[in-house]
Amino acid sequence: MILKKQRIKTNQTLSIHLHDEKFYFPGETIKGTVHVHPKSPTKTNHILLRFKGQVILSIKDKKSMTLFDIKKILAAGQPGKVHILEPKQYLFPFEFNVPSNLQLPSSMEYRKKAKIRYQLIVVHDRPMMLESLLPRIKYTVPILELIDIKAYHFKYVQERAAEIVLPHARYHEKCHCRISIAQSGFTRG
């Protein structure tokens, strides 16, 4: 029997559990559950789940570009009315499809100056609270761009040739090297 390791992101009242801990590709479905566990009866507008992709550059000033931002309301009472969440565990299953109509770059971070990040963000929207003070939790989802290494432009043979002087050899004793690589495409993982 194989047990899957499940990564959980949690704070005091909110947590995100993914069903599969893996790298996701465009077109795949991310499935999981949001757990809400208020410590006391809590007035609530709704529970919002966002799936967001961003490019962030921090050279002089922090600048970001949103690749996509998909929102789902997981729990809400009647529209425009506040409801009470009792102090017990609430489970909200969710699914998001990784957009396949966009050419999404792979998740990455370079020296904290450049990031491509995909996140699930849960916000417990409560009445009479500033947005910046609302309980929230973020979960980073690793996404890899889809590269079809069987595509025509990756199938051509690459050849390189070079002359190399070996260590302890005289100048006129060069080695002629030639390398041929059958395919020029690769994928991580």
N, C-alpha and C. Protein backbone atom coordinates (compact mmCIF):
# COMPACT_ATOMS: atom_id res chain seq x y z
N MET A 1 0.85 -1.17 0.00
CA MET A 1 0.00 0.00 0.00
C MET A 1 0.89 1.23 0.00
N ILE A 2 0.63 2.17 -0.91
CA ILE A 2 1.41 3.39 -1.02
C ILE A 2 0.61 4.53 -0.39
N LEU A 3 1.23 5.22 0.55
CA LEU A 3 0.59 6.38 1.17
C LEU A 3 1.09 7.63 0.50
N LYS A 4 0.18 8.50 0.11
CA LYS A 4 0.55 9.78 -0.49
C LYS A 4 0.80 10.79 0.61
N LYS A 5 1.88 11.51 0.47
CA LYS A 5 2.16 12.58 1.42
C LYS A 5 1.25 13.75 1.07
N GLN A 6 0.55 14.27 2.04
CA GLN A 6 -0.36 15.38 1.81
C GLN A 6 0.18 16.62 2.51
N ARG A 7 0.39 17.66 1.74
CA ARG A 7 0.87 18.91 2.30
C ARG A 7 -0.33 19.73 2.73
N ILE A 8 -0.25 20.30 3.90
CA ILE A 8 -1.35 21.09 4.44
C ILE A 8 -0.82 22.46 4.81
N LYS A 9 -1.54 23.49 4.42
CA LYS A 9 -1.22 24.85 4.84
C LYS A 9 -2.32 25.25 5.80
N THR A 10 -1.92 25.71 7.00
CA THR A 10 -2.93 25.99 8.01
C THR A 10 -2.57 27.22 8.85
N ASN A 11 -3.58 27.88 9.38
CA ASN A 11 -3.40 28.89 10.43
C ASN A 11 -4.40 28.53 11.52
N GLN A 12 -4.77 29.43 12.38
CA GLN A 12 -5.62 29.07 13.51
C GLN A 12 -7.02 28.63 13.11
N THR A 13 -7.62 29.28 12.12
CA THR A 13 -9.01 28.96 11.78
C THR A 13 -9.21 28.47 10.36
N LEU A 14 -8.20 28.60 9.50
CA LEU A 14 -8.32 28.21 8.10
C LEU A 14 -7.22 27.24 7.71
N SER A 15 -7.53 26.29 6.84
CA SER A 15 -6.49 25.42 6.28
C SER A 15 -6.90 24.97 4.89
N ILE A 16 -5.90 24.68 4.08
CA ILE A 16 -6.10 24.19 2.71
C ILE A 16 -5.43 22.83 2.61
N HIS A 17 -6.16 21.84 2.12
CA HIS A 17 -5.65 20.49 1.92
C HIS A 17 -5.82 20.13 0.45
N LEU A 18 -4.73 19.80 -0.24
CA LEU A 18 -4.82 19.34 -1.62
C LEU A 18 -4.90 17.82 -1.63
N HIS A 19 -5.66 17.25 -2.57
CA HIS A 19 -5.78 15.80 -2.67
C HIS A 19 -4.48 15.19 -3.21
N ASP A 20 -3.83 15.86 -4.17
CA ASP A 20 -2.59 15.36 -4.76
C ASP A 20 -1.51 16.40 -4.62
N GLU A 21 -0.41 16.02 -4.02
CA GLU A 21 0.76 16.90 -3.88
C GLU A 21 1.68 16.58 -5.06
N LYS A 22 1.70 17.47 -6.05
CA LYS A 22 2.48 17.23 -7.26
C LYS A 22 2.68 18.52 -8.02
N PHE A 23 3.43 18.45 -9.11
CA PHE A 23 3.50 19.56 -10.06
C PHE A 23 2.28 19.44 -10.96
N TYR A 24 1.63 20.57 -11.21
CA TYR A 24 0.46 20.58 -12.08
C TYR A 24 0.83 21.20 -13.42
N PHE A 25 0.15 20.76 -14.47
CA PHE A 25 0.35 21.26 -15.82
C PHE A 25 -0.92 21.95 -16.29
N PRO A 26 -0.83 22.86 -17.27
CA PRO A 26 -2.04 23.48 -17.81
C PRO A 26 -3.05 22.41 -18.26
N GLY A 27 -4.31 22.65 -17.93
CA GLY A 27 -5.38 21.71 -18.29
C GLY A 27 -5.69 20.70 -17.19
N GLU A 28 -4.81 20.54 -16.20
CA GLU A 28 -5.07 19.60 -15.12
C GLU A 28 -5.97 20.23 -14.06
N THR A 29 -6.60 19.38 -13.26
CA THR A 29 -7.52 19.85 -12.23
C THR A 29 -6.87 19.74 -10.86
N ILE A 30 -6.92 20.83 -10.12
CA ILE A 30 -6.45 20.86 -8.73
C ILE A 30 -7.67 20.63 -7.86
N LYS A 31 -7.62 19.58 -7.03
CA LYS A 31 -8.74 19.26 -6.14
C LYS A 31 -8.26 19.33 -4.70
N GLY A 32 -9.13 19.81 -3.84
CA GLY A 32 -8.77 19.88 -2.44
C GLY A 32 -9.96 20.25 -1.59
N THR A 33 -9.65 20.57 -0.32
CA THR A 33 -10.68 20.93 0.63
C THR A 33 -10.19 22.11 1.47
N VAL A 34 -11.07 23.08 1.66
CA VAL A 34 -10.80 24.18 2.58
C VAL A 34 -11.49 23.82 3.89
N HIS A 35 -10.72 23.90 5.00
CA HIS A 35 -11.26 23.64 6.33
C HIS A 35 -11.37 24.98 7.06
N VAL A 36 -12.55 25.24 7.61
CA VAL A 36 -12.78 26.45 8.40
C VAL A 36 -13.22 25.98 9.77
N HIS A 37 -12.51 26.45 10.81
CA HIS A 37 -12.81 26.03 12.17
C HIS A 37 -12.78 27.24 13.10
N PRO A 38 -13.89 28.00 13.14
CA PRO A 38 -13.91 29.17 14.03
C PRO A 38 -13.84 28.73 15.50
N LYS A 39 -13.16 29.54 16.29
CA LYS A 39 -13.02 29.24 17.72
C LYS A 39 -14.25 29.64 18.53
N SER A 40 -15.04 30.55 17.98
CA SER A 40 -16.26 31.01 18.63
C SER A 40 -17.26 31.36 17.53
N PRO A 41 -18.55 31.55 17.85
CA PRO A 41 -19.51 31.95 16.82
C PRO A 41 -19.00 33.21 16.10
N THR A 42 -18.97 33.15 14.77
CA THR A 42 -18.34 34.20 13.98
C THR A 42 -19.28 34.70 12.90
N LYS A 43 -19.50 36.01 12.88
CA LYS A 43 -20.29 36.62 11.81
C LYS A 43 -19.50 36.51 10.51
N THR A 44 -20.18 36.11 9.45
CA THR A 44 -19.50 35.84 8.19
C THR A 44 -20.32 36.34 7.01
N ASN A 45 -19.64 37.02 6.08
CA ASN A 45 -20.26 37.34 4.79
C ASN A 45 -20.15 36.12 3.87
N HIS A 46 -18.91 35.64 3.69
CA HIS A 46 -18.66 34.45 2.87
C HIS A 46 -17.22 33.99 3.04
N ILE A 47 -16.93 32.80 2.50
CA ILE A 47 -15.57 32.26 2.41
C ILE A 47 -15.21 32.33 0.93
N LEU A 48 -14.14 33.06 0.62
CA LEU A 48 -13.72 33.26 -0.76
C LEU A 48 -12.45 32.46 -1.02
N LEU A 49 -12.42 31.72 -2.13
CA LEU A 49 -11.22 31.00 -2.56
C LEU A 49 -10.80 31.55 -3.90
N ARG A 50 -9.51 31.94 -3.99
CA ARG A 50 -8.96 32.48 -5.23
C ARG A 50 -7.82 31.57 -5.70
N PHE A 51 -7.74 31.39 -7.01
CA PHE A 51 -6.60 30.72 -7.63
C PHE A 51 -5.95 31.77 -8.51
N LYS A 52 -4.73 32.15 -8.16
CA LYS A 52 -4.11 33.32 -8.76
C LYS A 52 -2.71 32.99 -9.27
N GLY A 53 -2.39 33.48 -10.47
CA GLY A 53 -1.05 33.37 -11.02
C GLY A 53 -0.46 34.75 -11.20
N GLN A 54 0.80 34.94 -10.77
CA GLN A 54 1.43 36.26 -10.83
C GLN A 54 2.89 36.16 -11.24
N VAL A 55 3.34 37.23 -11.90
CA VAL A 55 4.77 37.45 -12.13
C VAL A 55 5.12 38.65 -11.25
N ILE A 56 6.14 38.49 -10.40
CA ILE A 56 6.51 39.55 -9.45
C ILE A 56 7.98 39.89 -9.65
N LEU A 57 8.27 41.19 -9.85
CA LEU A 57 9.64 41.68 -9.97
C LEU A 57 9.91 42.65 -8.84
N SER A 58 11.02 42.45 -8.15
CA SER A 58 11.40 43.32 -7.03
C SER A 58 12.82 43.82 -7.25
N ILE A 59 12.99 44.74 -8.17
CA ILE A 59 14.33 45.26 -8.43
C ILE A 59 14.53 46.54 -7.62
N LYS A 60 13.84 47.59 -7.96
CA LYS A 60 13.84 48.80 -7.11
C LYS A 60 12.52 48.87 -6.37
N ASP A 61 11.45 48.82 -7.11
CA ASP A 61 10.11 48.78 -6.53
C ASP A 61 9.50 47.43 -6.87
N LYS A 62 8.60 46.98 -6.03
CA LYS A 62 7.92 45.72 -6.28
C LYS A 62 6.82 45.94 -7.30
N LYS A 63 6.89 45.20 -8.40
CA LYS A 63 5.88 45.29 -9.44
C LYS A 63 5.36 43.89 -9.71
N SER A 64 4.06 43.80 -9.97
CA SER A 64 3.50 42.49 -10.27
C SER A 64 2.55 42.58 -11.46
N MET A 65 2.44 41.45 -12.14
CA MET A 65 1.52 41.32 -13.26
C MET A 65 0.70 40.06 -13.01
N THR A 66 -0.60 40.20 -13.05
CA THR A 66 -1.48 39.06 -12.82
C THR A 66 -1.68 38.30 -14.12
N LEU A 67 -1.40 36.98 -14.08
CA LEU A 67 -1.60 36.11 -15.24
C LEU A 67 -3.05 35.66 -15.32
N PHE A 68 -3.63 35.35 -14.17
CA PHE A 68 -5.05 35.01 -14.08
C PHE A 68 -5.46 35.13 -12.62
N ASP A 69 -6.74 35.27 -12.38
CA ASP A 69 -7.28 35.36 -11.02
C ASP A 69 -8.71 34.81 -11.07
N ILE A 70 -8.88 33.58 -10.61
CA ILE A 70 -10.17 32.90 -10.64
C ILE A 70 -10.71 32.87 -9.21
N LYS A 71 -11.97 33.27 -9.03
CA LYS A 71 -12.55 33.36 -7.69
C LYS A 71 -13.77 32.46 -7.58
N LYS A 72 -13.91 31.85 -6.39
CA LYS A 72 -15.09 31.04 -6.08
C LYS A 72 -15.54 31.39 -4.67
N ILE A 73 -16.84 31.54 -4.50
CA ILE A 73 -17.43 31.71 -3.17
C ILE A 73 -17.77 30.31 -2.67
N LEU A 74 -17.15 29.89 -1.57
CA LEU A 74 -17.37 28.53 -1.05
C LEU A 74 -18.54 28.46 -0.10
N ALA A 75 -18.70 29.46 0.75
CA ALA A 75 -19.78 29.43 1.72
C ALA A 75 -20.35 30.82 1.86
N ALA A 76 -21.64 30.90 1.72
CA ALA A 76 -22.31 32.19 1.89
C ALA A 76 -23.75 31.93 2.31
N GLY A 77 -24.26 32.86 3.07
CA GLY A 77 -25.68 32.80 3.43
C GLY A 77 -26.47 33.39 2.27
N GLN A 78 -27.54 34.02 2.58
CA GLN A 78 -28.32 34.70 1.57
C GLN A 78 -27.54 35.92 1.08
N PRO A 79 -27.64 36.23 -0.20
CA PRO A 79 -26.88 37.37 -0.73
C PRO A 79 -27.17 38.65 0.04
N GLY A 80 -26.11 39.34 0.45
CA GLY A 80 -26.24 40.59 1.16
C GLY A 80 -26.55 40.45 2.65
N LYS A 81 -26.66 39.22 3.14
CA LYS A 81 -26.97 39.02 4.56
C LYS A 81 -25.81 38.33 5.25
N VAL A 82 -25.61 38.70 6.50
CA VAL A 82 -24.56 38.10 7.33
C VAL A 82 -25.13 36.84 7.97
N HIS A 83 -24.29 35.80 8.04
CA HIS A 83 -24.70 34.60 8.76
C HIS A 83 -23.63 34.24 9.79
N ILE A 84 -23.97 33.37 10.70
CA ILE A 84 -23.07 33.00 11.81
C ILE A 84 -22.49 31.62 11.53
N LEU A 85 -21.16 31.51 11.63
CA LEU A 85 -20.49 30.21 11.61
C LEU A 85 -20.28 29.80 13.06
N GLU A 86 -20.86 28.67 13.43
CA GLU A 86 -20.73 28.17 14.80
C GLU A 86 -19.32 27.60 14.99
N PRO A 87 -18.86 27.47 16.24
CA PRO A 87 -17.52 26.96 16.50
C PRO A 87 -17.42 25.45 16.28
N LYS A 88 -17.34 25.06 15.03
CA LYS A 88 -17.18 23.66 14.65
C LYS A 88 -16.43 23.61 13.32
N GLN A 89 -16.06 22.43 12.89
CA GLN A 89 -15.30 22.25 11.65
C GLN A 89 -16.24 22.28 10.44
N TYR A 90 -15.89 23.10 9.44
CA TYR A 90 -16.61 23.16 8.17
C TYR A 90 -15.64 22.74 7.08
N LEU A 91 -16.11 21.88 6.16
CA LEU A 91 -15.29 21.42 5.04
C LEU A 91 -15.93 21.86 3.74
N PHE A 92 -15.11 22.47 2.87
CA PHE A 92 -15.60 22.95 1.58
C PHE A 92 -14.71 22.39 0.47
N PRO A 93 -15.19 21.36 -0.24
CA PRO A 93 -14.39 20.82 -1.34
C PRO A 93 -14.34 21.83 -2.49
N PHE A 94 -13.24 21.79 -3.26
CA PHE A 94 -13.10 22.69 -4.40
C PHE A 94 -12.34 22.01 -5.52
N GLU A 95 -12.51 22.56 -6.70
CA GLU A 95 -11.75 22.15 -7.89
C GLU A 95 -11.44 23.39 -8.70
N PHE A 96 -10.23 23.45 -9.23
CA PHE A 96 -9.83 24.49 -10.17
C PHE A 96 -9.11 23.82 -11.32
N ASN A 97 -9.42 24.24 -12.53
CA ASN A 97 -8.64 23.80 -13.68
C ASN A 97 -7.52 24.79 -13.92
N VAL A 98 -6.30 24.29 -14.08
CA VAL A 98 -5.19 25.16 -14.43
C VAL A 98 -5.46 25.64 -15.85
N PRO A 99 -5.51 26.96 -16.09
CA PRO A 99 -5.85 27.45 -17.43
C PRO A 99 -4.94 26.87 -18.50
N SER A 100 -5.56 26.37 -19.57
CA SER A 100 -4.77 25.80 -20.67
C SER A 100 -4.77 26.72 -21.89
N ASN A 101 -5.60 27.75 -21.86
CA ASN A 101 -5.67 28.68 -23.00
C ASN A 101 -4.62 29.79 -22.90
N LEU A 102 -3.85 29.81 -21.81
CA LEU A 102 -2.78 30.79 -21.62
C LEU A 102 -1.46 30.03 -21.70
N GLN A 103 -0.44 30.65 -22.18
CA GLN A 103 0.88 30.01 -22.18
C GLN A 103 1.55 30.36 -20.85
N LEU A 104 1.22 29.58 -19.83
CA LEU A 104 1.72 29.86 -18.49
C LEU A 104 3.17 29.42 -18.33
N PRO A 105 4.01 30.29 -17.79
CA PRO A 105 5.39 29.89 -17.50
C PRO A 105 5.44 29.04 -16.23
N SER A 106 6.50 28.29 -16.07
CA SER A 106 6.68 27.45 -14.88
C SER A 106 6.88 28.30 -13.63
N SER A 107 6.46 27.75 -12.50
CA SER A 107 6.73 28.39 -11.21
C SER A 107 8.23 28.51 -11.02
N MET A 108 8.67 29.64 -10.50
CA MET A 108 10.10 29.81 -10.23
C MET A 108 10.33 31.00 -9.33
N GLU A 109 11.54 31.04 -8.74
CA GLU A 109 11.97 32.19 -7.95
C GLU A 109 13.46 32.36 -8.20
N TYR A 110 13.87 33.60 -8.46
CA TYR A 110 15.28 33.90 -8.70
C TYR A 110 15.73 34.96 -7.72
N ARG A 111 16.51 34.56 -6.74
CA ARG A 111 17.12 35.45 -5.76
C ARG A 111 16.15 36.46 -5.13
N LYS A 112 14.95 36.07 -4.93
CA LYS A 112 13.90 36.92 -4.33
C LYS A 112 13.65 38.20 -5.11
N LYS A 113 14.21 38.30 -6.31
CA LYS A 113 14.01 39.48 -7.15
C LYS A 113 12.98 39.23 -8.24
N ALA A 114 12.83 37.99 -8.65
CA ALA A 114 11.85 37.65 -9.68
C ALA A 114 11.15 36.35 -9.29
N LYS A 115 9.82 36.35 -9.40
CA LYS A 115 9.03 35.17 -9.04
C LYS A 115 7.92 34.98 -10.06
N ILE A 116 7.66 33.73 -10.34
CA ILE A 116 6.43 33.36 -11.03
C ILE A 116 5.75 32.43 -10.04
N ARG A 117 4.58 32.86 -9.54
CA ARG A 117 3.95 32.17 -8.42
C ARG A 117 2.48 31.93 -8.72
N TYR A 118 2.03 30.73 -8.33
CA TYR A 118 0.63 30.35 -8.45
C TYR A 118 0.17 29.99 -7.04
N GLN A 119 -0.94 30.60 -6.60
CA GLN A 119 -1.39 30.40 -5.22
C GLN A 119 -2.89 30.19 -5.14
N LEU A 120 -3.26 29.39 -4.14
CA LEU A 120 -4.64 29.32 -3.68
C LEU A 120 -4.71 30.22 -2.45
N ILE A 121 -5.69 31.09 -2.41
CA ILE A 121 -5.83 32.04 -1.31
C ILE A 121 -7.25 31.94 -0.77
N VAL A 122 -7.36 31.66 0.53
CA VAL A 122 -8.67 31.61 1.18
C VAL A 122 -8.82 32.85 2.04
N VAL A 123 -9.95 33.54 1.90
CA VAL A 123 -10.24 34.73 2.70
C VAL A 123 -11.58 34.52 3.39
N HIS A 124 -11.57 34.68 4.71
CA HIS A 124 -12.80 34.61 5.50
C HIS A 124 -13.33 36.04 5.58
N ASP A 125 -14.28 36.37 4.71
CA ASP A 125 -14.82 37.73 4.64
C ASP A 125 -15.83 37.92 5.76
N ARG A 126 -15.51 38.86 6.64
CA ARG A 126 -16.35 39.15 7.80
C ARG A 126 -16.84 40.58 7.73
N PRO A 127 -18.04 40.84 8.25
CA PRO A 127 -18.59 42.20 8.19
C PRO A 127 -17.81 43.16 9.08
N MET A 128 -17.77 44.40 8.65
CA MET A 128 -17.18 45.49 9.43
C MET A 128 -15.68 45.31 9.71
N MET A 129 -14.98 44.59 8.82
CA MET A 129 -13.53 44.43 8.97
C MET A 129 -12.84 44.93 7.71
N LEU A 130 -11.72 45.60 7.90
CA LEU A 130 -10.92 46.03 6.75
C LEU A 130 -10.40 44.80 6.02
N GLU A 131 -10.32 44.91 4.71
CA GLU A 131 -9.87 43.78 3.91
C GLU A 131 -8.48 43.28 4.33
N SER A 132 -7.60 44.20 4.68
CA SER A 132 -6.25 43.81 5.08
C SER A 132 -6.22 43.04 6.40
N LEU A 133 -7.27 43.13 7.21
CA LEU A 133 -7.32 42.46 8.51
C LEU A 133 -8.10 41.15 8.50
N LEU A 134 -8.70 40.82 7.36
CA LEU A 134 -9.50 39.60 7.27
C LEU A 134 -8.61 38.37 7.41
N PRO A 135 -9.10 37.32 8.10
CA PRO A 135 -8.32 36.08 8.18
C PRO A 135 -8.12 35.51 6.77
N ARG A 136 -6.89 35.12 6.48
CA ARG A 136 -6.59 34.56 5.16
C ARG A 136 -5.44 33.59 5.27
N ILE A 137 -5.34 32.75 4.26
CA ILE A 137 -4.23 31.80 4.18
C ILE A 137 -3.88 31.61 2.71
N LYS A 138 -2.58 31.42 2.44
CA LYS A 138 -2.10 31.25 1.07
C LYS A 138 -1.38 29.92 0.95
N TYR A 139 -1.56 29.26 -0.18
CA TYR A 139 -0.97 27.95 -0.44
C TYR A 139 -0.36 28.01 -1.84
N THR A 140 0.94 27.82 -1.93
CA THR A 140 1.61 27.88 -3.23
C THR A 140 1.47 26.55 -3.95
N VAL A 141 1.02 26.61 -5.21
CA VAL A 141 0.83 25.42 -6.04
C VAL A 141 1.89 25.44 -7.13
N PRO A 142 2.74 24.40 -7.21
CA PRO A 142 3.77 24.38 -8.26
C PRO A 142 3.16 24.01 -9.62
N ILE A 143 3.40 24.85 -10.61
CA ILE A 143 2.89 24.62 -11.96
C ILE A 143 4.07 24.64 -12.93
N LEU A 144 4.07 23.69 -13.85
CA LEU A 144 5.09 23.62 -14.89
C LEU A 144 4.44 23.89 -16.24
N GLU A 145 5.16 24.66 -17.07
CA GLU A 145 4.63 24.90 -18.40
C GLU A 145 4.62 23.59 -19.17
N LEU A 146 3.68 23.47 -20.06
CA LEU A 146 3.53 22.25 -20.84
C LEU A 146 4.43 22.32 -22.06
N ILE A 147 5.42 21.45 -22.09
CA ILE A 147 6.34 21.38 -23.23
C ILE A 147 6.20 20.00 -23.85
N ASP A 148 5.74 19.95 -25.08
CA ASP A 148 5.60 18.67 -25.78
C ASP A 148 6.91 18.39 -26.50
N ILE A 149 7.76 17.55 -25.91
CA ILE A 149 9.08 17.30 -26.49
C ILE A 149 9.00 16.46 -27.77
N LYS A 150 7.80 15.99 -28.10
CA LYS A 150 7.62 15.26 -29.36
C LYS A 150 7.20 16.19 -30.49
N ALA A 151 7.04 17.48 -30.17
CA ALA A 151 6.67 18.46 -31.20
C ALA A 151 7.79 18.59 -32.22
N TYR A 152 7.43 18.96 -33.44
CA TYR A 152 8.37 19.00 -34.56
C TYR A 152 9.60 19.84 -34.26
N HIS A 153 9.45 21.04 -33.69
CA HIS A 153 10.59 21.93 -33.50
C HIS A 153 11.56 21.45 -32.42
N PHE A 154 11.21 20.40 -31.65
CA PHE A 154 12.16 19.83 -30.70
C PHE A 154 12.82 18.55 -31.23
N LYS A 155 12.37 18.05 -32.38
CA LYS A 155 12.85 16.77 -32.88
C LYS A 155 14.11 16.86 -33.72
N TYR A 156 14.53 18.04 -34.09
CA TYR A 156 15.71 18.10 -34.95
C TYR A 156 16.97 17.78 -34.15
N VAL A 157 17.94 17.23 -34.85
CA VAL A 157 19.20 16.82 -34.24
C VAL A 157 20.08 18.05 -34.08
N GLN A 158 20.68 18.16 -32.92
CA GLN A 158 21.64 19.25 -32.68
C GLN A 158 23.04 18.66 -32.70
N GLU A 159 23.93 19.31 -33.45
CA GLU A 159 25.32 18.86 -33.51
C GLU A 159 26.23 20.02 -33.18
N ARG A 160 27.27 19.73 -32.45
CA ARG A 160 28.29 20.72 -32.10
C ARG A 160 29.66 20.08 -32.27
N ALA A 161 30.60 20.90 -32.70
CA ALA A 161 31.98 20.43 -32.83
C ALA A 161 32.89 21.47 -32.21
N ALA A 162 33.98 20.98 -31.62
CA ALA A 162 34.94 21.89 -30.99
C ALA A 162 36.30 21.22 -30.93
N GLU A 163 37.32 22.07 -30.91
CA GLU A 163 38.69 21.59 -30.70
C GLU A 163 39.06 21.91 -29.27
N ILE A 164 39.59 20.91 -28.57
CA ILE A 164 39.91 21.06 -27.16
C ILE A 164 41.38 20.69 -26.94
N VAL A 165 42.07 21.53 -26.21
CA VAL A 165 43.44 21.20 -25.81
C VAL A 165 43.33 20.50 -24.46
N LEU A 166 43.83 19.28 -24.41
CA LEU A 166 43.75 18.50 -23.20
C LEU A 166 44.79 18.97 -22.18
N PRO A 167 44.55 18.75 -20.89
CA PRO A 167 45.54 19.15 -19.87
C PRO A 167 46.88 18.45 -20.13
N HIS A 168 47.95 19.15 -19.95
CA HIS A 168 49.32 18.65 -20.12
C HIS A 168 49.65 18.30 -21.57
N ALA A 169 48.86 18.79 -22.51
CA ALA A 169 49.16 18.55 -23.93
C ALA A 169 49.82 19.78 -24.52
N ARG A 170 50.56 19.56 -25.61
CA ARG A 170 51.16 20.70 -26.30
C ARG A 170 50.11 21.38 -27.15
N TYR A 171 50.39 22.61 -27.55
CA TYR A 171 49.42 23.40 -28.30
C TYR A 171 48.96 22.69 -29.57
N HIS A 172 49.87 22.04 -30.26
CA HIS A 172 49.50 21.42 -31.53
C HIS A 172 48.79 20.07 -31.33
N GLU A 173 48.66 19.59 -30.09
CA GLU A 173 48.00 18.32 -29.82
C GLU A 173 46.55 18.59 -29.37
N LYS A 174 45.74 18.96 -30.31
CA LYS A 174 44.33 19.25 -30.01
C LYS A 174 43.48 18.01 -30.22
N CYS A 175 42.41 17.97 -29.48
CA CYS A 175 41.45 16.88 -29.61
C CYS A 175 40.22 17.45 -30.33
N HIS A 176 39.78 16.78 -31.36
CA HIS A 176 38.58 17.21 -32.09
C HIS A 176 37.39 16.44 -31.53
N CYS A 177 36.45 17.18 -30.98
CA CYS A 177 35.25 16.57 -30.38
C CYS A 177 34.01 16.96 -31.18
N ARG A 178 33.14 16.01 -31.33
CA ARG A 178 31.87 16.25 -32.01
C ARG A 178 30.78 15.54 -31.20
N ILE A 179 29.71 16.26 -30.93
CA ILE A 179 28.61 15.68 -30.15
C ILE A 179 27.31 15.87 -30.94
N SER A 180 26.46 14.87 -30.85
CA SER A 180 25.18 14.92 -31.53
C SER A 180 24.09 14.57 -30.51
N ILE A 181 23.10 15.45 -30.42
CA ILE A 181 21.98 15.23 -29.50
C ILE A 181 20.73 15.04 -30.36
N ALA A 182 20.07 13.90 -30.14
CA ALA A 182 18.95 13.52 -31.00
C ALA A 182 17.72 14.40 -30.84
N GLN A 183 17.57 15.04 -29.70
CA GLN A 183 16.39 15.84 -29.44
C GLN A 183 16.79 17.07 -28.65
N SER A 184 16.16 18.22 -28.92
CA SER A 184 16.56 19.44 -28.23
C SER A 184 15.60 19.87 -27.14
N GLY A 185 14.52 19.15 -26.92
CA GLY A 185 13.55 19.51 -25.90
C GLY A 185 13.71 18.66 -24.66
N PHE A 186 13.36 19.22 -23.51
CA PHE A 186 13.40 18.47 -22.26
C PHE A 186 12.32 19.04 -21.33
N THR A 187 11.97 18.27 -20.34
CA THR A 187 11.04 18.74 -19.33
C THR A 187 11.60 18.42 -17.95
N ARG A 188 11.20 19.23 -16.96
CA ARG A 188 11.62 18.95 -15.60
C ARG A 188 10.81 17.79 -15.04
N GLY A 189 11.37 17.16 -14.00
CA GLY A 189 10.63 16.11 -13.32
C GLY A 189 10.83 14.82 -13.97
